[in-house]
Amino acid sequence: MTTAGQPNSPWLFPGQAPGQHLGAKQLTARLVRVGVRSTGRHAALNALIAEIPAPLLAEALGYHPKTVTLRAGELGTDWAGYAASKARSSAFQR
């Protein structure tokens, strides 16, 4: 089933059963068929880690926070000052 075949589906990638999303293995197989390899997905994740704090990124993408935090550490991305920076910038906007 495709999204065009299921225009009222809430899922971007609907599965075979009504109301269910496409499983991870099926989505991976589809991505590989169109040329999206794991190296591209890892590169995209690395780029996002450089731009977004690990806990927020993990929540947005459905990753476990430890997974993204460990990867951020491997990349040398340090968001330790993020909360303080956001607090200072919001204080100036008041």
PDB file of N, CA and C in Angstrom:
ATOM      1  N   MET A   1       0.836  -1.179   0.000  1.00  0.00           N
ATOM      2  CA  MET A   1       0.000   0.000   0.000  1.00  0.00           C
ATOM      3  C   MET A   1       0.882   1.243   0.000  1.00  0.00           C
ATOM      4  N   THR A   2       0.422   2.240  -0.671  1.00  0.00           N
ATOM      5  CA  THR A   2       1.164   3.487  -0.680  1.00  0.00           C
ATOM      6  C   THR A   2       0.305   4.577  -0.071  1.00  0.00           C
ATOM      7  N   THR A   3       0.926   5.696   0.206  1.00  0.00           N
ATOM      8  CA  THR A   3       0.177   6.816   0.770  1.00  0.00           C
ATOM      9  C   THR A   3      -0.883   7.288  -0.215  1.00  0.00           C
ATOM     10  N   ALA A   4      -0.554   7.273  -1.506  1.00  0.00           N
ATOM     11  CA  ALA A   4      -1.535   7.680  -2.519  1.00  0.00           C
ATOM     12  C   ALA A   4      -2.736   6.735  -2.522  1.00  0.00           C
ATOM     13  N   GLY A   5      -2.487   5.456  -2.238  1.00  0.00           N
ATOM     14  CA  GLY A   5      -3.576   4.478  -2.189  1.00  0.00           C
ATOM     15  C   GLY A   5      -4.379   4.564  -0.905  1.00  0.00           C
ATOM     16  N   GLN A   6      -3.819   5.224   0.085  1.00  0.00           N
ATOM     17  CA  GLN A   6      -4.467   5.388   1.389  1.00  0.00           C
ATOM     18  C   GLN A   6      -4.462   6.872   1.759  1.00  0.00           C
ATOM     19  N   PRO A   7      -5.181   7.721   1.016  1.00  0.00           N
ATOM     20  CA  PRO A   7      -5.086   9.160   1.247  1.00  0.00           C
ATOM     21  C   PRO A   7      -5.532   9.616   2.630  1.00  0.00           C
ATOM     22  N   ASN A   8      -6.309   8.815   3.330  1.00  0.00           N
ATOM     23  CA  ASN A   8      -6.783   9.207   4.659  1.00  0.00           C
ATOM     24  C   ASN A   8      -5.937   8.615   5.790  1.00  0.00           C
ATOM     25  N   SER A   9      -4.865   7.906   5.437  1.00  0.00           N
ATOM     26  CA  SER A   9      -4.016   7.286   6.445  1.00  0.00           C
ATOM     27  C   SER A   9      -3.217   8.350   7.191  1.00  0.00           C
ATOM     28  N   PRO A  10      -3.101   8.229   8.513  1.00  0.00           N
ATOM     29  CA  PRO A  10      -2.278   9.176   9.267  1.00  0.00           C
ATOM     30  C   PRO A  10      -0.787   8.864   9.138  1.00  0.00           C
ATOM     31  N   TRP A  11      -0.455   7.719   8.544  1.00  0.00           N
ATOM     32  CA  TRP A  11       0.934   7.297   8.460  1.00  0.00           C
ATOM     33  C   TRP A  11       1.574   7.771   7.162  1.00  0.00           C
ATOM     34  N   LEU A  12       2.823   8.246   7.249  1.00  0.00           N
ATOM     35  CA  LEU A  12       3.580   8.582   6.054  1.00  0.00           C
ATOM     36  C   LEU A  12       3.896   7.325   5.275  1.00  0.00           C
ATOM     37  N   PHE A  13       4.184   6.235   5.988  1.00  0.00           N
ATOM     38  CA  PHE A  13       4.474   4.941   5.373  1.00  0.00           C
ATOM     39  C   PHE A  13       3.521   3.901   5.941  1.00  0.00           C
ATOM     40  N   PRO A  14       2.302   3.825   5.404  1.00  0.00           N
ATOM     41  CA  PRO A  14       1.336   2.865   5.944  1.00  0.00           C
ATOM     42  C   PRO A  14       1.762   1.427   5.673  1.00  0.00           C
ATOM     43  N   GLY A  15       1.430   0.541   6.606  1.00  0.00           N
ATOM     44  CA  GLY A  15       1.748  -0.871   6.460  1.00  0.00           C
ATOM     45  C   GLY A  15       0.634  -1.626   5.761  1.00  0.00           C
ATOM     46  N   GLN A  16       0.740  -2.928   5.772  1.00  0.00           N
ATOM     47  CA  GLN A  16      -0.254  -3.766   5.106  1.00  0.00           C
ATOM     48  C   GLN A  16      -1.575  -3.822   5.868  1.00  0.00           C
ATOM     49  N   ALA A  17      -1.492  -3.805   7.200  1.00  0.00           N
ATOM     50  CA  ALA A  17      -2.706  -3.866   8.006  1.00  0.00           C
ATOM     51  C   ALA A  17      -3.262  -2.455   8.187  1.00  0.00           C
ATOM     52  N   PRO A  18      -4.566  -2.293   8.071  1.00  0.00           N
ATOM     53  CA  PRO A  18      -5.170  -0.970   8.252  1.00  0.00           C
ATOM     54  C   PRO A  18      -4.799  -0.363   9.598  1.00  0.00           C
ATOM     55  N   GLY A  19      -4.444   0.898   9.594  1.00  0.00           N
ATOM     56  CA  GLY A  19      -4.127   1.601  10.824  1.00  0.00           C
ATOM     57  C   GLY A  19      -2.740   1.330  11.380  1.00  0.00           C
ATOM     58  N   GLN A  20      -1.925   0.579  10.642  1.00  0.00           N
ATOM     59  CA  GLN A  20      -0.583   0.247  11.111  1.00  0.00           C
ATOM     60  C   GLN A  20       0.463   0.894  10.207  1.00  0.00           C
ATOM     61  N   HIS A  21       1.591   1.266  10.802  1.00  0.00           N
ATOM     62  CA  HIS A  21       2.676   1.836  10.021  1.00  0.00           C
ATOM     63  C   HIS A  21       3.537   0.732   9.424  1.00  0.00           C
ATOM     64  N   LEU A  22       4.354   1.086   8.465  1.00  0.00           N
ATOM     65  CA  LEU A  22       5.284   0.159   7.844  1.00  0.00           C
ATOM     66  C   LEU A  22       6.363  -0.200   8.857  1.00  0.00           C
ATOM     67  N   GLY A  23       6.736  -1.462   8.912  1.00  0.00           N
ATOM     68  CA  GLY A  23       7.760  -1.907   9.858  1.00  0.00           C
ATOM     69  C   GLY A  23       9.152  -1.435   9.460  1.00  0.00           C
ATOM     70  N   ALA A  24      10.068  -1.446  10.413  1.00  0.00           N
ATOM     71  CA  ALA A  24      11.434  -0.966  10.191  1.00  0.00           C
ATOM     72  C   ALA A  24      12.146  -1.767   9.106  1.00  0.00           C
ATOM     73  N   LYS A  25      11.990  -3.086   9.105  1.00  0.00           N
ATOM     74  CA  LYS A  25      12.664  -3.912   8.092  1.00  0.00           C
ATOM     75  C   LYS A  25      12.144  -3.605   6.698  1.00  0.00           C
ATOM     76  N   GLN A  26      10.833  -3.429   6.575  1.00  0.00           N
ATOM     77  CA  GLN A  26      10.259  -3.126   5.268  1.00  0.00           C
ATOM     78  C   GLN A  26      10.704  -1.748   4.785  1.00  0.00           C
ATOM     79  N   LEU A  27      10.744  -0.776   5.696  1.00  0.00           N
ATOM     80  CA  LEU A  27      11.174   0.566   5.321  1.00  0.00           C
ATOM     81  C   LEU A  27      12.640   0.554   4.903  1.00  0.00           C
ATOM     82  N   THR A  28      13.473  -0.177   5.642  1.00  0.00           N
ATOM     83  CA  THR A  28      14.889  -0.282   5.289  1.00  0.00           C
ATOM     84  C   THR A  28      15.046  -0.897   3.898  1.00  0.00           C
ATOM     85  N   ALA A  29      14.295  -1.947   3.618  1.00  0.00           N
ATOM     86  CA  ALA A  29      14.376  -2.588   2.296  1.00  0.00           C
ATOM     87  C   ALA A  29      13.971  -1.617   1.189  1.00  0.00           C
ATOM     88  N   ARG A  30      12.943  -0.821   1.425  1.00  0.00           N
ATOM     89  CA  ARG A  30      12.524   0.168   0.424  1.00  0.00           C
ATOM     90  C   ARG A  30      13.588   1.242   0.219  1.00  0.00           C
ATOM     91  N   LEU A  31      14.194   1.700   1.315  1.00  0.00           N
ATOM     92  CA  LEU A  31      15.237   2.715   1.197  1.00  0.00           C
ATOM     93  C   LEU A  31      16.439   2.188   0.421  1.00  0.00           C
ATOM     94  N   VAL A  32      16.825   0.950   0.680  1.00  0.00           N
ATOM     95  CA  VAL A  32      17.948   0.347  -0.037  1.00  0.00           C
ATOM     96  C   VAL A  32      17.623   0.230  -1.522  1.00  0.00           C
ATOM     97  N   ARG A  33      16.385  -0.139  -1.851  1.00  0.00           N
ATOM     98  CA  ARG A  33      15.985  -0.269  -3.267  1.00  0.00           C
ATOM     99  C   ARG A  33      16.108   1.042  -4.023  1.00  0.00           C
ATOM    100  N   VAL A  34      15.909   2.169  -3.337  1.00  0.00           N
ATOM    101  CA  VAL A  34      16.007   3.460  -4.024  1.00  0.00           C
ATOM    102  C   VAL A  34      17.373   4.119  -3.829  1.00  0.00           C
ATOM    103  N   GLY A  35      18.317   3.374  -3.249  1.00  0.00           N
ATOM    104  CA  GLY A  35      19.683   3.855  -3.167  1.00  0.00           C
ATOM    105  C   GLY A  35      20.098   4.539  -1.881  1.00  0.00           C
ATOM    106  N   VAL A  36      19.247   4.524  -0.864  1.00  0.00           N
ATOM    107  CA  VAL A  36      19.609   5.138   0.420  1.00  0.00           C
ATOM    108  C   VAL A  36      20.237   4.057   1.285  1.00  0.00           C
ATOM    109  N   ARG A  37      21.528   4.170   1.475  1.00  0.00           N
ATOM    110  CA  ARG A  37      22.275   3.180   2.253  1.00  0.00           C
ATOM    111  C   ARG A  37      22.459   3.666   3.684  1.00  0.00           C
ATOM    112  N   SER A  38      22.901   2.775   4.543  1.00  0.00           N
ATOM    113  CA  SER A  38      23.074   3.140   5.952  1.00  0.00           C
ATOM    114  C   SER A  38      24.123   4.235   6.126  1.00  0.00           C
ATOM    115  N   THR A  39      25.122   4.300   5.238  1.00  0.00           N
ATOM    116  CA  THR A  39      26.131   5.352   5.367  1.00  0.00           C
ATOM    117  C   THR A  39      25.495   6.729   5.198  1.00  0.00           C
ATOM    118  N   GLY A  40      24.534   6.847   4.307  1.00  0.00           N
ATOM    119  CA  GLY A  40      23.835   8.123   4.121  1.00  0.00           C
ATOM    120  C   GLY A  40      22.987   8.479   5.324  1.00  0.00           C
ATOM    121  N   ARG A  41      22.339   7.485   5.903  1.00  0.00           N
ATOM    122  CA  ARG A  41      21.527   7.725   7.089  1.00  0.00           C
ATOM    123  C   ARG A  41      22.400   8.122   8.272  1.00  0.00           C
ATOM    124  N   HIS A  42      23.562   7.468   8.404  1.00  0.00           N
ATOM    125  CA  HIS A  42      24.478   7.812   9.495  1.00  0.00           C
ATOM    126  C   HIS A  42      25.036   9.224   9.310  1.00  0.00           C
ATOM    127  N   ALA A  43      25.344   9.581   8.071  1.00  0.00           N
ATOM    128  CA  ALA A  43      25.852  10.930   7.805  1.00  0.00           C
ATOM    129  C   ALA A  43      24.790  11.977   8.139  1.00  0.00           C
ATOM    130  N   ALA A  44      23.551  11.694   7.795  1.00  0.00           N
ATOM    131  CA  ALA A  44      22.460  12.621   8.108  1.00  0.00           C
ATOM    132  C   ALA A  44      22.287  12.754   9.614  1.00  0.00           C
ATOM    133  N   LEU A  45      22.372  11.639  10.334  1.00  0.00           N
ATOM    134  CA  LEU A  45      22.255  11.683  11.791  1.00  0.00           C
ATOM    135  C   LEU A  45      23.405  12.493  12.388  1.00  0.00           C
ATOM    136  N   ASN A  46      24.615  12.284  11.882  1.00  0.00           N
ATOM    137  CA  ASN A  46      25.768  13.037  12.382  1.00  0.00           C
ATOM    138  C   ASN A  46      25.581  14.535  12.161  1.00  0.00           C
ATOM    139  N   ALA A  47      25.059  14.910  11.012  1.00  0.00           N
ATOM    140  CA  ALA A  47      24.825  16.328  10.723  1.00  0.00           C
ATOM    141  C   ALA A  47      23.776  16.909  11.678  1.00  0.00           C
ATOM    142  N   LEU A  48      22.743  16.144  11.957  1.00  0.00           N
ATOM    143  CA  LEU A  48      21.708  16.612  12.884  1.00  0.00           C
ATOM    144  C   LEU A  48      22.247  16.734  14.306  1.00  0.00           C
ATOM    145  N   ILE A  49      23.116  15.795  14.689  1.00  0.00           N
ATOM    146  CA  ILE A  49      23.699  15.841  16.035  1.00  0.00           C
ATOM    147  C   ILE A  49      24.507  17.122  16.219  1.00  0.00           C
ATOM    148  N   ALA A  50      25.126  17.599  15.159  1.00  0.00           N
ATOM    149  CA  ALA A  50      25.908  18.827  15.248  1.00  0.00           C
ATOM    150  C   ALA A  50      25.023  20.057  15.408  1.00  0.00           C
ATOM    151  N   GLU A  51      23.750  19.939  15.031  1.00  0.00           N
ATOM    152  CA  GLU A  51      22.839  21.087  15.042  1.00  0.00           C
ATOM    153  C   GLU A  51      21.821  21.087  16.174  1.00  0.00           C
ATOM    154  N   ILE A  52      21.527  19.900  16.704  1.00  0.00           N
ATOM    155  CA  ILE A  52      20.427  19.764  17.668  1.00  0.00           C
ATOM    156  C   ILE A  52      20.931  19.001  18.892  1.00  0.00           C
ATOM    157  N   PRO A  53      20.596  19.441  20.095  1.00  0.00           N
ATOM    158  CA  PRO A  53      21.006  18.700  21.297  1.00  0.00           C
ATOM    159  C   PRO A  53      20.501  17.259  21.263  1.00  0.00           C
ATOM    160  N   ALA A  54      21.346  16.350  21.719  1.00  0.00           N
ATOM    161  CA  ALA A  54      21.057  14.914  21.651  1.00  0.00           C
ATOM    162  C   ALA A  54      19.691  14.525  22.223  1.00  0.00           C
ATOM    163  N   PRO A  55      19.308  14.998  23.405  1.00  0.00           N
ATOM    164  CA  PRO A  55      18.003  14.572  23.940  1.00  0.00           C
ATOM    165  C   PRO A  55      16.823  15.003  23.055  1.00  0.00           C
ATOM    166  N   LEU A  56      16.913  16.208  22.504  1.00  0.00           N
ATOM    167  CA  LEU A  56      15.834  16.673  21.625  1.00  0.00           C
ATOM    168  C   LEU A  56      15.795  15.878  20.327  1.00  0.00           C
ATOM    169  N   LEU A  57      16.971  15.609  19.773  1.00  0.00           N
ATOM    170  CA  LEU A  57      17.042  14.844  18.537  1.00  0.00           C
ATOM    171  C   LEU A  57      16.535  13.422  18.742  1.00  0.00           C
ATOM    172  N   ALA A  58      16.932  12.814  19.845  1.00  0.00           N
ATOM    173  CA  ALA A  58      16.483  11.451  20.139  1.00  0.00           C
ATOM    174  C   ALA A  58      14.961  11.390  20.217  1.00  0.00           C
ATOM    175  N   GLU A  59      14.373  12.354  20.898  1.00  0.00           N
ATOM    176  CA  GLU A  59      12.910  12.377  21.020  1.00  0.00           C
ATOM    177  C   GLU A  59      12.247  12.580  19.659  1.00  0.00           C
ATOM    178  N   ALA A  60      12.794  13.492  18.872  1.00  0.00           N
ATOM    179  CA  ALA A  60      12.202  13.790  17.564  1.00  0.00           C
ATOM    180  C   ALA A  60      12.274  12.610  16.604  1.00  0.00           C
ATOM    181  N   LEU A  61      13.368  11.845  16.671  1.00  0.00           N
ATOM    182  CA  LEU A  61      13.563  10.743  15.729  1.00  0.00           C
ATOM    183  C   LEU A  61      13.153   9.382  16.272  1.00  0.00           C
ATOM    184  N   GLY A  62      12.840   9.328  17.561  1.00  0.00           N
ATOM    185  CA  GLY A  62      12.446   8.054  18.147  1.00  0.00           C
ATOM    186  C   GLY A  62      13.627   7.172  18.528  1.00  0.00           C
ATOM    187  N   TYR A  63      14.807   7.767  18.673  1.00  0.00           N
ATOM    188  CA  TYR A  63      15.976   7.024  19.134  1.00  0.00           C
ATOM    189  C   TYR A  63      16.002   7.030  20.656  1.00  0.00           C
ATOM    190  N   HIS A  64      16.713   6.075  21.230  1.00  0.00           N
ATOM    191  CA  HIS A  64      16.927   6.102  22.674  1.00  0.00           C
ATOM    192  C   HIS A  64      17.910   7.230  22.959  1.00  0.00           C
ATOM    193  N   PRO A  65      17.669   8.042  23.996  1.00  0.00           N
ATOM    194  CA  PRO A  65      18.568   9.163  24.291  1.00  0.00           C
ATOM    195  C   PRO A  65      20.031   8.764  24.466  1.00  0.00           C
ATOM    196  N   LYS A  66      20.282   7.585  25.062  1.00  0.00           N
ATOM    197  CA  LYS A  66      21.668   7.138  25.246  1.00  0.00           C
ATOM    198  C   LYS A  66      22.363   6.929  23.902  1.00  0.00           C
ATOM    199  N   THR A  67      21.639   6.416  22.922  1.00  0.00           N
ATOM    200  CA  THR A  67      22.217   6.162  21.604  1.00  0.00           C
ATOM    201  C   THR A  67      22.726   7.452  20.991  1.00  0.00           C
ATOM    202  N   VAL A  68      21.903   8.473  20.993  1.00  0.00           N
ATOM    203  CA  VAL A  68      22.275   9.741  20.372  1.00  0.00           C
ATOM    204  C   VAL A  68      23.337  10.456  21.211  1.00  0.00           C
ATOM    205  N   THR A  69      23.231  10.367  22.533  1.00  0.00           N
ATOM    206  CA  THR A  69      24.213  11.004  23.405  1.00  0.00           C
ATOM    207  C   THR A  69      25.591  10.372  23.219  1.00  0.00           C
ATOM    208  N   LEU A  70      25.647   9.044  23.135  1.00  0.00           N
ATOM    209  CA  LEU A  70      26.923   8.372  22.901  1.00  0.00           C
ATOM    210  C   LEU A  70      27.518   8.774  21.557  1.00  0.00           C
ATOM    211  N   ARG A  71      26.675   8.835  20.527  1.00  0.00           N
ATOM    212  CA  ARG A  71      27.156   9.228  19.200  1.00  0.00           C
ATOM    213  C   ARG A  71      27.641  10.671  19.221  1.00  0.00           C
ATOM    214  N   ALA A  72      26.942  11.552  19.921  1.00  0.00           N
ATOM    215  CA  ALA A  72      27.366  12.943  20.029  1.00  0.00           C
ATOM    216  C   ALA A  72      28.726  13.026  20.715  1.00  0.00           C
ATOM    217  N   GLY A  73      28.948  12.199  21.732  1.00  0.00           N
ATOM    218  CA  GLY A  73      30.239  12.163  22.411  1.00  0.00           C
ATOM    219  C   GLY A  73      31.350  11.698  21.490  1.00  0.00           C
ATOM    220  N   GLU A  74      31.048  10.695  20.671  1.00  0.00           N
ATOM    221  CA  GLU A  74      32.039  10.198  19.711  1.00  0.00           C
ATOM    222  C   GLU A  74      32.407  11.273  18.696  1.00  0.00           C
ATOM    223  N   LEU A  75      31.442  12.115  18.351  1.00  0.00           N
ATOM    224  CA  LEU A  75      31.676  13.180  17.379  1.00  0.00           C
ATOM    225  C   LEU A  75      32.279  14.425  18.020  1.00  0.00           C
ATOM    226  N   GLY A  76      32.356  14.420  19.348  1.00  0.00           N
ATOM    227  CA  GLY A  76      32.916  15.576  20.045  1.00  0.00           C
ATOM    228  C   GLY A  76      31.951  16.746  20.140  1.00  0.00           C
ATOM    229  N   THR A  77      30.671  16.471  20.009  1.00  0.00           N
ATOM    230  CA  THR A  77      29.657  17.520  20.115  1.00  0.00           C
ATOM    231  C   THR A  77      29.327  17.733  21.582  1.00  0.00           C
ATOM    232  N   ASP A  78      29.468  18.949  22.042  1.00  0.00           N
ATOM    233  CA  ASP A  78      29.229  19.248  23.445  1.00  0.00           C
ATOM    234  C   ASP A  78      28.080  20.242  23.579  1.00  0.00           C
ATOM    235  N   TRP A  79      26.987  19.765  24.137  1.00  0.00           N
ATOM    236  CA  TRP A  79      25.818  20.623  24.339  1.00  0.00           C
ATOM    237  C   TRP A  79      25.649  20.957  25.810  1.00  0.00           C
ATOM    238  N   ALA A  80      26.720  20.827  26.584  1.00  0.00           N
ATOM    239  CA  ALA A  80      26.612  21.062  28.020  1.00  0.00           C
ATOM    240  C   ALA A  80      26.122  22.470  28.329  1.00  0.00           C
ATOM    241  N   GLY A  81      26.503  23.445  27.528  1.00  0.00           N
ATOM    242  CA  GLY A  81      26.097  24.821  27.787  1.00  0.00           C
ATOM    243  C   GLY A  81      24.808  25.228  27.110  1.00  0.00           C
ATOM    244  N   TYR A  82      24.129  24.273  26.471  1.00  0.00           N
ATOM    245  CA  TYR A  82      22.931  24.605  25.695  1.00  0.00           C
ATOM    246  C   TYR A  82      21.831  25.213  26.554  1.00  0.00           C
ATOM    247  N   ALA A  83      21.501  24.580  27.667  1.00  0.00           N
ATOM    248  CA  ALA A  83      20.402  25.074  28.516  1.00  0.00           C
ATOM    249  C   ALA A  83      20.715  26.472  29.044  1.00  0.00           C
ATOM    250  N   ALA A  84      21.956  26.675  29.476  1.00  0.00           N
ATOM    251  CA  ALA A  84      22.339  27.999  29.989  1.00  0.00           C
ATOM    252  C   ALA A  84      22.259  29.047  28.884  1.00  0.00           C
ATOM    253  N   SER A  85      22.696  28.680  27.703  1.00  0.00           N
ATOM    254  CA  SER A  85      22.642  29.598  26.562  1.00  0.00           C
ATOM    255  C   SER A  85      21.195  29.970  26.228  1.00  0.00           C
ATOM    256  N   LYS A  86      20.310  28.979  26.206  1.00  0.00           N
ATOM    257  CA  LYS A  86      18.894  29.228  25.915  1.00  0.00           C
ATOM    258  C   LYS A  86      18.269  30.094  27.004  1.00  0.00           C
ATOM    259  N   ALA A  87      18.650  29.862  28.254  1.00  0.00           N
ATOM    260  CA  ALA A  87      18.100  30.648  29.357  1.00  0.00           C
ATOM    261  C   ALA A  87      18.539  32.105  29.228  1.00  0.00           C
ATOM    262  N   ARG A  88      19.804  32.318  28.875  1.00  0.00           N
ATOM    263  CA  ARG A  88      20.297  33.695  28.696  1.00  0.00           C
ATOM    264  C   ARG A  88      19.596  34.393  27.539  1.00  0.00           C
ATOM    265  N   SER A  89      19.430  33.687  26.415  1.00  0.00           N
ATOM    266  CA  SER A  89      18.799  34.321  25.256  1.00  0.00           C
ATOM    267  C   SER A  89      17.331  34.611  25.507  1.00  0.00           C
ATOM    268  N   SER A  90      16.631  33.751  26.253  1.00  0.00           N
ATOM    269  CA  SER A  90      15.218  34.025  26.539  1.00  0.00           C
ATOM    270  C   SER A  90      15.071  35.158  27.552  1.00  0.00           C
ATOM    271  N   ALA A  91      16.063  35.320  28.422  1.00  0.00           N
ATOM    272  CA  ALA A  91      16.016  36.411  29.393  1.00  0.00           C
ATOM    273  C   ALA A  91      16.146  37.768  28.680  1.00  0.00           C
ATOM    274  N   PHE A  92      16.912  37.788  27.596  1.00  0.00           N
ATOM    275  CA  PHE A  92      17.074  39.034  26.840  1.00  0.00           C
ATOM    276  C   PHE A  92      15.834  39.361  26.025  1.00  0.00           C
ATOM    277  N   GLN A  93      14.997  38.364  25.728  1.00  0.00           N
ATOM    278  CA  GLN A  93      13.808  38.601  24.920  1.00  0.00           C
ATOM    279  C   GLN A  93      12.623  39.090  25.723  1.00  0.00           C
ATOM    280  N   ARG A  94      12.735  39.099  27.020  1.00  0.00           N
ATOM    281  CA  ARG A  94      11.598  39.518  27.860  1.00  0.00           C
ATOM    282  C   ARG A  94      11.434  40.996  27.899  1.00  0.00           C
TER     283      ARG A  94
END
